Amino acid sequence: MQYREIPLSADNQQFSIAINGTTYTIRALWRDDAGWVIDLLDSGGTAIINGIPLVTGADLLSQYKYLGLGFVLMVICDVAGQSYPTKTDLGTYSHLYVITELS
């Protein structure tokens, strides 16, 4: 497996990223009622998955395996016991990783 951090900051943002040879757009949004969520879009801007909550230590795409994306997204927090990135620590103490080369 290969792990790569997707660099984020504690701001709403949208950017393109190549994963396993495919270009995706990721949109990260802070929602006061739900915390940080991301949308995964194809390169043309069409939504693949919307509103994925950033939860620490879980495969964020586990319920979407049927899409055959071939990668995992996971959030790791530097603060022990922290379940979600806070409004201000995304990218500093909370990190989003893409895991590829799954078996």
PDB file of N, CA and C in Angstrom:
ATOM      1  N   MET A   1       0.833  -1.181   0.000  1.00  0.00           N
ATOM      2  CA  MET A   1       0.000   0.000   0.000  1.00  0.00           C
ATOM      3  C   MET A   1       0.874   1.240   0.000  1.00  0.00           C
ATOM      4  N   GLN A   2       0.357   2.274  -0.636  1.00  0.00           N
ATOM      5  CA  GLN A   2       1.037   3.564  -0.626  1.00  0.00           C
ATOM      6  C   GLN A   2       0.126   4.605   0.009  1.00  0.00           C
ATOM      7  N   TYR A   3       0.686   5.376   0.929  1.00  0.00           N
ATOM      8  CA  TYR A   3      -0.025   6.442   1.612  1.00  0.00           C
ATOM      9  C   TYR A   3       0.502   7.774   1.097  1.00  0.00           C
ATOM     10  N   ARG A   4      -0.406   8.696   0.838  1.00  0.00           N
ATOM     11  CA  ARG A   4       0.007  10.036   0.423  1.00  0.00           C
ATOM     12  C   ARG A   4      -0.941  11.038   1.061  1.00  0.00           C
ATOM     13  N   GLU A   5      -0.383  12.047   1.711  1.00  0.00           N
ATOM     14  CA  GLU A   5      -1.235  13.065   2.306  1.00  0.00           C
ATOM     15  C   GLU A   5      -1.774  13.995   1.227  1.00  0.00           C
ATOM     16  N   ILE A   6      -3.048  14.291   1.332  1.00  0.00           N
ATOM     17  CA  ILE A   6      -3.671  15.296   0.479  1.00  0.00           C
ATOM     18  C   ILE A   6      -3.625  16.592   1.278  1.00  0.00           C
ATOM     19  N   PRO A   7      -2.820  17.546   0.835  1.00  0.00           N
ATOM     20  CA  PRO A   7      -2.649  18.760   1.642  1.00  0.00           C
ATOM     21  C   PRO A   7      -3.929  19.585   1.692  1.00  0.00           C
ATOM     22  N   LEU A   8      -4.365  19.900   2.902  1.00  0.00           N
ATOM     23  CA  LEU A   8      -5.554  20.701   3.130  1.00  0.00           C
ATOM     24  C   LEU A   8      -5.213  21.834   4.078  1.00  0.00           C
ATOM     25  N   SER A   9      -6.073  22.827   4.106  1.00  0.00           N
ATOM     26  CA  SER A   9      -5.968  23.900   5.074  1.00  0.00           C
ATOM     27  C   SER A   9      -7.353  24.084   5.703  1.00  0.00           C
ATOM     28  N   ALA A  10      -7.405  24.837   6.763  1.00  0.00           N
ATOM     29  CA  ALA A  10      -8.659  25.018   7.486  1.00  0.00           C
ATOM     30  C   ALA A  10      -9.513  26.107   6.824  1.00  0.00           C
ATOM     31  N   ASP A  11      -9.713  25.950   5.524  1.00  0.00           N
ATOM     32  CA  ASP A  11     -10.543  26.847   4.730  1.00  0.00           C
ATOM     33  C   ASP A  11     -11.370  26.007   3.768  1.00  0.00           C
ATOM     34  N   ASN A  12     -12.535  26.497   3.385  1.00  0.00           N
ATOM     35  CA  ASN A  12     -13.257  25.849   2.302  1.00  0.00           C
ATOM     36  C   ASN A  12     -12.371  25.906   1.071  1.00  0.00           C
ATOM     37  N   GLN A  13     -12.317  24.797   0.319  1.00  0.00           N
ATOM     38  CA  GLN A  13     -11.391  24.736  -0.816  1.00  0.00           C
ATOM     39  C   GLN A  13     -11.848  23.718  -1.834  1.00  0.00           C
ATOM     40  N   GLN A  14     -11.336  23.882  -3.043  1.00  0.00           N
ATOM     41  CA  GLN A  14     -11.602  22.943  -4.120  1.00  0.00           C
ATOM     42  C   GLN A  14     -10.343  22.850  -4.967  1.00  0.00           C
ATOM     43  N   PHE A  15      -9.956  21.619  -5.321  1.00  0.00           N
ATOM     44  CA  PHE A  15      -8.733  21.416  -6.094  1.00  0.00           C
ATOM     45  C   PHE A  15      -8.825  20.100  -6.850  1.00  0.00           C
ATOM     46  N   SER A  16      -7.981  19.971  -7.862  1.00  0.00           N
ATOM     47  CA  SER A  16      -7.886  18.729  -8.637  1.00  0.00           C
ATOM     48  C   SER A  16      -6.712  17.918  -8.126  1.00  0.00           C
ATOM     49  N   ILE A  17      -6.856  16.593  -8.199  1.00  0.00           N
ATOM     50  CA  ILE A  17      -5.804  15.691  -7.752  1.00  0.00           C
ATOM     51  C   ILE A  17      -5.854  14.426  -8.602  1.00  0.00           C
ATOM     52  N   ALA A  18      -4.691  13.932  -8.972  1.00  0.00           N
ATOM     53  CA  ALA A  18      -4.614  12.673  -9.715  1.00  0.00           C
ATOM     54  C   ALA A  18      -4.423  11.532  -8.726  1.00  0.00           C
ATOM     55  N   ILE A  19      -5.289  10.525  -8.827  1.00  0.00           N
ATOM     56  CA  ILE A  19      -5.204   9.327  -7.986  1.00  0.00           C
ATOM     57  C   ILE A  19      -5.322   8.132  -8.904  1.00  0.00           C
ATOM     58  N   ASN A  20      -4.326   7.261  -8.872  1.00  0.00           N
ATOM     59  CA  ASN A  20      -4.307   6.066  -9.725  1.00  0.00           C
ATOM     60  C   ASN A  20      -4.530   6.410 -11.197  1.00  0.00           C
ATOM     61  N   GLY A  21      -3.949   7.523 -11.644  1.00  0.00           N
ATOM     62  CA  GLY A  21      -4.033   7.898 -13.048  1.00  0.00           C
ATOM     63  C   GLY A  21      -5.328   8.570 -13.471  1.00  0.00           C
ATOM     64  N   THR A  22      -6.230   8.827 -12.545  1.00  0.00           N
ATOM     65  CA  THR A  22      -7.490   9.507 -12.842  1.00  0.00           C
ATOM     66  C   THR A  22      -7.506  10.833 -12.095  1.00  0.00           C
ATOM     67  N   THR A  23      -7.970  11.878 -12.772  1.00  0.00           N
ATOM     68  CA  THR A  23      -8.056  13.192 -12.134  1.00  0.00           C
ATOM     69  C   THR A  23      -9.433  13.361 -11.514  1.00  0.00           C
ATOM     70  N   TYR A  24      -9.427  13.731 -10.242  1.00  0.00           N
ATOM     71  CA  TYR A  24     -10.646  13.997  -9.483  1.00  0.00           C
ATOM     72  C   TYR A  24     -10.583  15.437  -8.982  1.00  0.00           C
ATOM     73  N   THR A  25     -11.728  15.967  -8.637  1.00  0.00           N
ATOM     74  CA  THR A  25     -11.804  17.231  -7.926  1.00  0.00           C
ATOM     75  C   THR A  25     -12.326  16.922  -6.532  1.00  0.00           C
ATOM     76  N   ILE A  26     -11.650  17.482  -5.545  1.00  0.00           N
ATOM     77  CA  ILE A  26     -12.095  17.346  -4.155  1.00  0.00           C
ATOM     78  C   ILE A  26     -12.492  18.731  -3.674  1.00  0.00           C
ATOM     79  N   ARG A  27     -13.654  18.785  -3.062  1.00  0.00           N
ATOM     80  CA  ARG A  27     -14.144  20.026  -2.472  1.00  0.00           C
ATOM     81  C   ARG A  27     -14.294  19.770  -0.973  1.00  0.00           C
ATOM     82  N   ALA A  28     -13.618  20.567  -0.153  1.00  0.00           N
ATOM     83  CA  ALA A  28     -13.708  20.452   1.309  1.00  0.00           C
ATOM     84  C   ALA A  28     -14.478  21.654   1.825  1.00  0.00           C
ATOM     85  N   LEU A  29     -15.502  21.369   2.639  1.00  0.00           N
ATOM     86  CA  LEU A  29     -16.374  22.426   3.147  1.00  0.00           C
ATOM     87  C   LEU A  29     -16.580  22.265   4.648  1.00  0.00           C
ATOM     88  N   TRP A  30     -16.570  23.384   5.363  1.00  0.00           N
ATOM     89  CA  TRP A  30     -16.935  23.377   6.778  1.00  0.00           C
ATOM     90  C   TRP A  30     -18.435  23.642   6.870  1.00  0.00           C
ATOM     91  N   ARG A  31     -19.133  22.760   7.553  1.00  0.00           N
ATOM     92  CA  ARG A  31     -20.562  22.932   7.806  1.00  0.00           C
ATOM     93  C   ARG A  31     -20.750  23.000   9.315  1.00  0.00           C
ATOM     94  N   ASP A  32     -21.311  24.091   9.783  1.00  0.00           N
ATOM     95  CA  ASP A  32     -21.461  24.286  11.231  1.00  0.00           C
ATOM     96  C   ASP A  32     -22.196  23.134  11.900  1.00  0.00           C
ATOM     97  N   ASP A  33     -23.148  22.511  11.202  1.00  0.00           N
ATOM     98  CA  ASP A  33     -23.928  21.430  11.806  1.00  0.00           C
ATOM     99  C   ASP A  33     -23.303  20.050  11.624  1.00  0.00           C
ATOM    100  N   ALA A  34     -22.292  19.930  10.757  1.00  0.00           N
ATOM    101  CA  ALA A  34     -21.740  18.607  10.466  1.00  0.00           C
ATOM    102  C   ALA A  34     -20.216  18.543  10.505  1.00  0.00           C
ATOM    103  N   GLY A  35     -19.538  19.652  10.678  1.00  0.00           N
ATOM    104  CA  GLY A  35     -18.078  19.654  10.645  1.00  0.00           C
ATOM    105  C   GLY A  35     -17.568  19.656   9.212  1.00  0.00           C
ATOM    106  N   TRP A  36     -16.351  19.157   9.017  1.00  0.00           N
ATOM    107  CA  TRP A  36     -15.752  19.111   7.686  1.00  0.00           C
ATOM    108  C   TRP A  36     -16.341  17.960   6.881  1.00  0.00           C
ATOM    109  N   VAL A  37     -16.707  18.247   5.661  1.00  0.00           N
ATOM    110  CA  VAL A  37     -17.159  17.228   4.716  1.00  0.00           C
ATOM    111  C   VAL A  37     -16.431  17.458   3.400  1.00  0.00           C
ATOM    112  N   ILE A  38     -16.305  16.389   2.626  1.00  0.00           N
ATOM    113  CA  ILE A  38     -15.727  16.534   1.295  1.00  0.00           C
ATOM    114  C   ILE A  38     -16.687  15.968   0.255  1.00  0.00           C
ATOM    115  N   ASP A  39     -16.588  16.547  -0.923  1.00  0.00           N
ATOM    116  CA  ASP A  39     -17.275  16.035  -2.098  1.00  0.00           C
ATOM    117  C   ASP A  39     -16.202  15.525  -3.041  1.00  0.00           C
ATOM    118  N   LEU A  40     -16.468  14.396  -3.687  1.00  0.00           N
ATOM    119  CA  LEU A  40     -15.567  13.833  -4.680  1.00  0.00           C
ATOM    120  C   LEU A  40     -16.258  13.959  -6.028  1.00  0.00           C
ATOM    121  N   LEU A  41     -15.600  14.655  -6.961  1.00  0.00           N
ATOM    122  CA  LEU A  41     -16.173  14.897  -8.274  1.00  0.00           C
ATOM    123  C   LEU A  41     -15.240  14.360  -9.352  1.00  0.00           C
ATOM    124  N   ASP A  42     -15.789  14.070 -10.517  1.00  0.00           N
ATOM    125  CA  ASP A  42     -14.915  13.669 -11.619  1.00  0.00           C
ATOM    126  C   ASP A  42     -14.267  14.926 -12.203  1.00  0.00           C
ATOM    127  N   SER A  43     -13.402  14.754 -13.190  1.00  0.00           N
ATOM    128  CA  SER A  43     -12.650  15.892 -13.723  1.00  0.00           C
ATOM    129  C   SER A  43     -13.546  16.914 -14.413  1.00  0.00           C
ATOM    130  N   GLY A  44     -14.759  16.519 -14.801  1.00  0.00           N
ATOM    131  CA  GLY A  44     -15.692  17.442 -15.428  1.00  0.00           C
ATOM    132  C   GLY A  44     -16.575  18.165 -14.436  1.00  0.00           C
ATOM    133  N   GLY A  45     -16.423  17.868 -13.149  1.00  0.00           N
ATOM    134  CA  GLY A  45     -17.201  18.547 -12.118  1.00  0.00           C
ATOM    135  C   GLY A  45     -18.488  17.836 -11.731  1.00  0.00           C
ATOM    136  N   THR A  46     -18.709  16.636 -12.275  1.00  0.00           N
ATOM    137  CA  THR A  46     -19.895  15.864 -11.913  1.00  0.00           C
ATOM    138  C   THR A  46     -19.640  15.131 -10.595  1.00  0.00           C
ATOM    139  N   ALA A  47     -20.598  15.228  -9.686  1.00  0.00           N
ATOM    140  CA  ALA A  47     -20.447  14.607  -8.371  1.00  0.00           C
ATOM    141  C   ALA A  47     -20.401  13.087  -8.479  1.00  0.00           C
ATOM    142  N   ILE A  48     -19.419  12.495  -7.806  1.00  0.00           N
ATOM    143  CA  ILE A  48     -19.350  11.048  -7.629  1.00  0.00           C
ATOM    144  C   ILE A  48     -19.943  10.717  -6.265  1.00  0.00           C
ATOM    145  N   ILE A  49     -19.473  11.424  -5.231  1.00  0.00           N
ATOM    146  CA  ILE A  49     -19.987  11.278  -3.865  1.00  0.00           C
ATOM    147  C   ILE A  49     -20.009  12.669  -3.241  1.00  0.00           C
ATOM    148  N   ASN A  50     -21.114  13.017  -2.612  1.00  0.00           N
ATOM    149  CA  ASN A  50     -21.235  14.305  -1.928  1.00  0.00           C
ATOM    150  C   ASN A  50     -21.370  14.105  -0.424  1.00  0.00           C
ATOM    151  N   GLY A  51     -20.816  15.064   0.335  1.00  0.00           N
ATOM    152  CA  GLY A  51     -21.062  15.127   1.771  1.00  0.00           C
ATOM    153  C   GLY A  51     -20.428  14.029   2.596  1.00  0.00           C
ATOM    154  N   ILE A  52     -19.196  13.650   2.270  1.00  0.00           N
ATOM    155  CA  ILE A  52     -18.499  12.624   3.045  1.00  0.00           C
ATOM    156  C   ILE A  52     -17.949  13.273   4.316  1.00  0.00           C
ATOM    157  N   PRO A  53     -18.440  12.891   5.499  1.00  0.00           N
ATOM    158  CA  PRO A  53     -17.924  13.500   6.731  1.00  0.00           C
ATOM    159  C   PRO A  53     -16.493  13.030   7.011  1.00  0.00           C
ATOM    160  N   LEU A  54     -15.647  13.955   7.421  1.00  0.00           N
ATOM    161  CA  LEU A  54     -14.266  13.606   7.764  1.00  0.00           C
ATOM    162  C   LEU A  54     -14.244  13.073   9.187  1.00  0.00           C
ATOM    163  N   VAL A  55     -14.151  11.757   9.294  1.00  0.00           N
ATOM    164  CA  VAL A  55     -14.144  11.040  10.560  1.00  0.00           C
ATOM    165  C   VAL A  55     -12.778  10.393  10.714  1.00  0.00           C
ATOM    166  N   THR A  56     -12.184  10.526  11.863  1.00  0.00           N
ATOM    167  CA  THR A  56     -10.840  10.005  12.105  1.00  0.00           C
ATOM    168  C   THR A  56     -10.805   8.482  12.120  1.00  0.00           C
ATOM    169  N   GLY A  57      -9.792   7.916  11.441  1.00  0.00           N
ATOM    170  CA  GLY A  57      -9.495   6.493  11.535  1.00  0.00           C
ATOM    171  C   GLY A  57     -10.410   5.556  10.775  1.00  0.00           C
ATOM    172  N   ALA A  58     -11.277   6.072   9.913  1.00  0.00           N
ATOM    173  CA  ALA A  58     -12.202   5.215   9.172  1.00  0.00           C
ATOM    174  C   ALA A  58     -11.927   5.323   7.678  1.00  0.00           C
ATOM    175  N   ASP A  59     -12.227   4.256   6.939  1.00  0.00           N
ATOM    176  CA  ASP A  59     -12.192   4.302   5.488  1.00  0.00           C
ATOM    177  C   ASP A  59     -13.410   5.112   5.056  1.00  0.00           C
ATOM    178  N   LEU A  60     -13.186   6.338   4.631  1.00  0.00           N
ATOM    179  CA  LEU A  60     -14.284   7.233   4.289  1.00  0.00           C
ATOM    180  C   LEU A  60     -15.093   6.748   3.091  1.00  0.00           C
ATOM    181  N   LEU A  61     -14.507   5.858   2.301  1.00  0.00           N
ATOM    182  CA  LEU A  61     -15.185   5.372   1.096  1.00  0.00           C
ATOM    183  C   LEU A  61     -15.703   3.949   1.239  1.00  0.00           C
ATOM    184  N   SER A  62     -15.697   3.394   2.446  1.00  0.00           N
ATOM    185  CA  SER A  62     -16.050   1.981   2.625  1.00  0.00           C
ATOM    186  C   SER A  62     -17.442   1.645   2.102  1.00  0.00           C
ATOM    187  N   GLN A  63     -18.395   2.532   2.268  1.00  0.00           N
ATOM    188  CA  GLN A  63     -19.748   2.231   1.790  1.00  0.00           C
ATOM    189  C   GLN A  63     -19.914   2.461   0.290  1.00  0.00           C
ATOM    190  N   TYR A  64     -18.839   2.902  -0.366  1.00  0.00           N
ATOM    191  CA  TYR A  64     -18.893   3.172  -1.797  1.00  0.00           C
ATOM    192  C   TYR A  64     -17.990   2.237  -2.605  1.00  0.00           C
ATOM    193  N   LYS A  65     -17.642   1.100  -2.035  1.00  0.00           N
ATOM    194  CA  LYS A  65     -16.754   0.149  -2.720  1.00  0.00           C
ATOM    195  C   LYS A  65     -17.300  -0.264  -4.082  1.00  0.00           C
ATOM    196  N   TYR A  66     -18.625  -0.301  -4.212  1.00  0.00           N
ATOM    197  CA  TYR A  66     -19.260  -0.697  -5.469  1.00  0.00           C
ATOM    198  C   TYR A  66     -18.885   0.232  -6.629  1.00  0.00           C
ATOM    199  N   LEU A  67     -18.377   1.443  -6.322  1.00  0.00           N
ATOM    200  CA  LEU A  67     -17.953   2.361  -7.375  1.00  0.00           C
ATOM    201  C   LEU A  67     -16.624   1.952  -8.005  1.00  0.00           C
ATOM    202  N   GLY A  68     -15.870   1.067  -7.333  1.00  0.00           N
ATOM    203  CA  GLY A  68     -14.607   0.576  -7.877  1.00  0.00           C
ATOM    204  C   GLY A  68     -13.551   1.658  -8.049  1.00  0.00           C
ATOM    205  N   LEU A  69     -13.474   2.586  -7.119  1.00  0.00           N
ATOM    206  CA  LEU A  69     -12.513   3.685  -7.228  1.00  0.00           C
ATOM    207  C   LEU A  69     -11.068   3.209  -7.095  1.00  0.00           C
ATOM    208  N   GLY A  70     -10.829   2.164  -6.309  1.00  0.00           N
ATOM    209  CA  GLY A  70      -9.482   1.612  -6.181  1.00  0.00           C
ATOM    210  C   GLY A  70      -8.584   2.343  -5.206  1.00  0.00           C
ATOM    211  N   PHE A  71      -9.169   3.125  -4.321  1.00  0.00           N
ATOM    212  CA  PHE A  71      -8.376   3.799  -3.287  1.00  0.00           C
ATOM    213  C   PHE A  71      -9.239   4.029  -2.060  1.00  0.00           C
ATOM    214  N   VAL A  72      -8.561   4.378  -0.979  1.00  0.00           N
ATOM    215  CA  VAL A  72      -9.202   4.655   0.304  1.00  0.00           C
ATOM    216  C   VAL A  72      -8.835   6.076   0.696  1.00  0.00           C
ATOM    217  N   LEU A  73      -9.772   6.774   1.309  1.00  0.00           N
ATOM    218  CA  LEU A  73      -9.497   8.062   1.935  1.00  0.00           C
ATOM    219  C   LEU A  73      -9.640   7.885   3.440  1.00  0.00           C
ATOM    220  N   MET A  74      -8.685   8.422   4.192  1.00  0.00           N
ATOM    221  CA  MET A  74      -8.692   8.260   5.644  1.00  0.00           C
ATOM    222  C   MET A  74      -8.166   9.533   6.294  1.00  0.00           C
ATOM    223  N   VAL A  75      -8.779   9.908   7.419  1.00  0.00           N
ATOM    224  CA  VAL A  75      -8.330  11.054   8.204  1.00  0.00           C
ATOM    225  C   VAL A  75      -7.603  10.542   9.441  1.00  0.00           C
ATOM    226  N   ILE A  76      -6.451  11.118   9.706  1.00  0.00           N
ATOM    227  CA  ILE A  76      -5.672  10.811  10.905  1.00  0.00           C
ATOM    228  C   ILE A  76      -5.468  12.121  11.656  1.00  0.00           C
ATOM    229  N   CYS A  77      -5.765  12.120  12.957  1.00  0.00           N
ATOM    230  CA  CYS A  77      -5.558  13.304  13.800  1.00  0.00           C
ATOM    231  C   CYS A  77      -4.360  13.078  14.709  1.00  0.00           C
ATOM    232  N   ASP A  78      -3.581  14.127  14.875  1.00  0.00           N
ATOM    233  CA  ASP A  78      -2.404  14.059  15.748  1.00  0.00           C
ATOM    234  C   ASP A  78      -2.777  14.079  17.227  1.00  0.00           C
ATOM    235  N   VAL A  79      -3.976  14.516  17.551  1.00  0.00           N
ATOM    236  CA  VAL A  79      -4.435  14.626  18.934  1.00  0.00           C
ATOM    237  C   VAL A  79      -5.137  13.323  19.316  1.00  0.00           C
ATOM    238  N   ALA A  80      -4.598  12.617  20.298  1.00  0.00           N
ATOM    239  CA  ALA A  80      -5.175  11.330  20.721  1.00  0.00           C
ATOM    240  C   ALA A  80      -6.631  11.506  21.125  1.00  0.00           C
ATOM    241  N   GLY A  81      -7.466  10.602  20.639  1.00  0.00           N
ATOM    242  CA  GLY A  81      -8.868  10.595  21.006  1.00  0.00           C
ATOM    243  C   GLY A  81      -9.753  11.565  20.242  1.00  0.00           C
ATOM    244  N   GLN A  82      -9.181  12.323  19.327  1.00  0.00           N
ATOM    245  CA  GLN A  82      -9.975  13.282  18.553  1.00  0.00           C
ATOM    246  C   GLN A  82     -10.681  12.550  17.419  1.00  0.00           C
ATOM    247  N   SER A  83     -11.996  12.629  17.392  1.00  0.00           N
ATOM    248  CA  SER A  83     -12.788  11.880  16.414  1.00  0.00           C
ATOM    249  C   SER A  83     -13.003  12.610  15.099  1.00  0.00           C
ATOM    250  N   TYR A  84     -12.912  13.936  15.119  1.00  0.00           N
ATOM    251  CA  TYR A  84     -13.169  14.730  13.925  1.00  0.00           C
ATOM    252  C   TYR A  84     -12.180  15.888  13.867  1.00  0.00           C
ATOM    253  N   PRO A  85     -11.806  16.315  12.668  1.00  0.00           N
ATOM    254  CA  PRO A  85     -11.022  17.547  12.575  1.00  0.00           C
ATOM    255  C   PRO A  85     -11.854  18.729  13.073  1.00  0.00           C
ATOM    256  N   THR A  86     -11.210  19.649  13.755  1.00  0.00           N
ATOM    257  CA  THR A  86     -11.919  20.838  14.211  1.00  0.00           C
ATOM    258  C   THR A  86     -11.946  21.869  13.086  1.00  0.00           C
ATOM    259  N   LYS A  87     -12.684  22.935  13.311  1.00  0.00           N
ATOM    260  CA  LYS A  87     -12.800  23.984  12.292  1.00  0.00           C
ATOM    261  C   LYS A  87     -11.443  24.596  11.957  1.00  0.00           C
ATOM    262  N   THR A  88     -10.528  24.596  12.918  1.00  0.00           N
ATOM    263  CA  THR A  88      -9.256  25.296  12.713  1.00  0.00           C
ATOM    264  C   THR A  88      -8.035  24.386  12.569  1.00  0.00           C
ATOM    265  N   ASP A  89      -8.179  23.067  12.742  1.00  0.00           N
ATOM    266  CA  ASP A  89      -6.965  22.233  12.703  1.00  0.00           C
ATOM    267  C   ASP A  89      -6.833  21.361  11.455  1.00  0.00           C
ATOM    268  N   LEU A  90      -7.741  21.480  10.505  1.00  0.00           N
ATOM    269  CA  LEU A  90      -7.634  20.692   9.279  1.00  0.00           C
ATOM    270  C   LEU A  90      -6.346  21.063   8.546  1.00  0.00           C
ATOM    271  N   GLY A  91      -5.536  20.072   8.269  1.00  0.00           N
ATOM    272  CA  GLY A  91      -4.270  20.297   7.579  1.00  0.00           C
ATOM    273  C   GLY A  91      -3.085  20.530   8.496  1.00  0.00           C
ATOM    274  N   THR A  92      -3.349  20.835   9.777  1.00  0.00           N
ATOM    275  CA  THR A  92      -2.240  21.011  10.716  1.00  0.00           C
ATOM    276  C   THR A  92      -2.182  19.855  11.709  1.00  0.00           C
ATOM    277  N   TYR A  93      -3.285  19.596  12.410  1.00  0.00           N
ATOM    278  CA  TYR A  93      -3.337  18.467  13.345  1.00  0.00           C
ATOM    279  C   TYR A  93      -4.231  17.332  12.848  1.00  0.00           C
ATOM    280  N   SER A  94      -4.967  17.589  11.785  1.00  0.00           N
ATOM    281  CA  SER A  94      -5.823  16.575  11.169  1.00  0.00           C
ATOM    282  C   SER A  94      -5.448  16.487   9.695  1.00  0.00           C
ATOM    283  N   HIS A  95      -5.218  15.270   9.220  1.00  0.00           N
ATOM    284  CA  HIS A  95      -4.657  15.070   7.886  1.00  0.00           C
ATOM    285  C   HIS A  95      -5.502  14.083   7.091  1.00  0.00           C
ATOM    286  N   LEU A  96      -5.698  14.384   5.808  1.00  0.00           N
ATOM    287  CA  LEU A  96      -6.420  13.499   4.902  1.00  0.00           C
ATOM    288  C   LEU A  96      -5.392  12.740   4.068  1.00  0.00           C
ATOM    289  N   TYR A  97      -5.517  11.412   4.053  1.00  0.00           N
ATOM    290  CA  TYR A  97      -4.611  10.557   3.295  1.00  0.00           C
ATOM    291  C   TYR A  97      -5.370   9.789   2.242  1.00  0.00           C
ATOM    292  N   VAL A  98      -4.711   9.557   1.105  1.00  0.00           N
ATOM    293  CA  VAL A  98      -5.216   8.635   0.095  1.00  0.00           C
ATOM    294  C   VAL A  98      -4.316   7.408   0.153  1.00  0.00           C
ATOM    295  N   ILE A  99      -4.928   6.247   0.157  1.00  0.00           N
ATOM    296  CA  ILE A  99      -4.210   4.982   0.205  1.00  0.00           C
ATOM    297  C   ILE A  99      -4.499   4.247  -1.094  1.00  0.00           C
ATOM    298  N   THR A 100      -3.428   3.922  -1.817  1.00  0.00           N
ATOM    299  CA  THR A 100      -3.562   3.243  -3.102  1.00  0.00           C
ATOM    300  C   THR A 100      -2.830   1.911  -3.067  1.00  0.00           C
ATOM    301  N   GLU A 101      -2.865   1.227  -4.186  1.00  0.00           N
ATOM    302  CA  GLU A 101      -2.275  -0.118  -4.324  1.00  0.00           C
ATOM    303  C   GLU A 101      -2.866  -1.052  -3.300  1.00  0.00           C
ATOM    304  N   LEU A 102      -4.178  -1.141  -3.326  1.00  0.00           N
ATOM    305  CA  LEU A 102      -4.903  -2.017  -2.414  1.00  0.00           C
ATOM    306  C   LEU A 102      -4.816  -3.455  -2.896  1.00  0.00           C
ATOM    307  N   SER A 103      -4.839  -4.391  -1.969  1.00  0.00           N
ATOM    308  CA  SER A 103      -4.805  -5.800  -2.376  1.00  0.00           C
ATOM    309  C   SER A 103      -6.175  -6.413  -2.294  1.00  0.00           C
TER     310      SER A 103
END
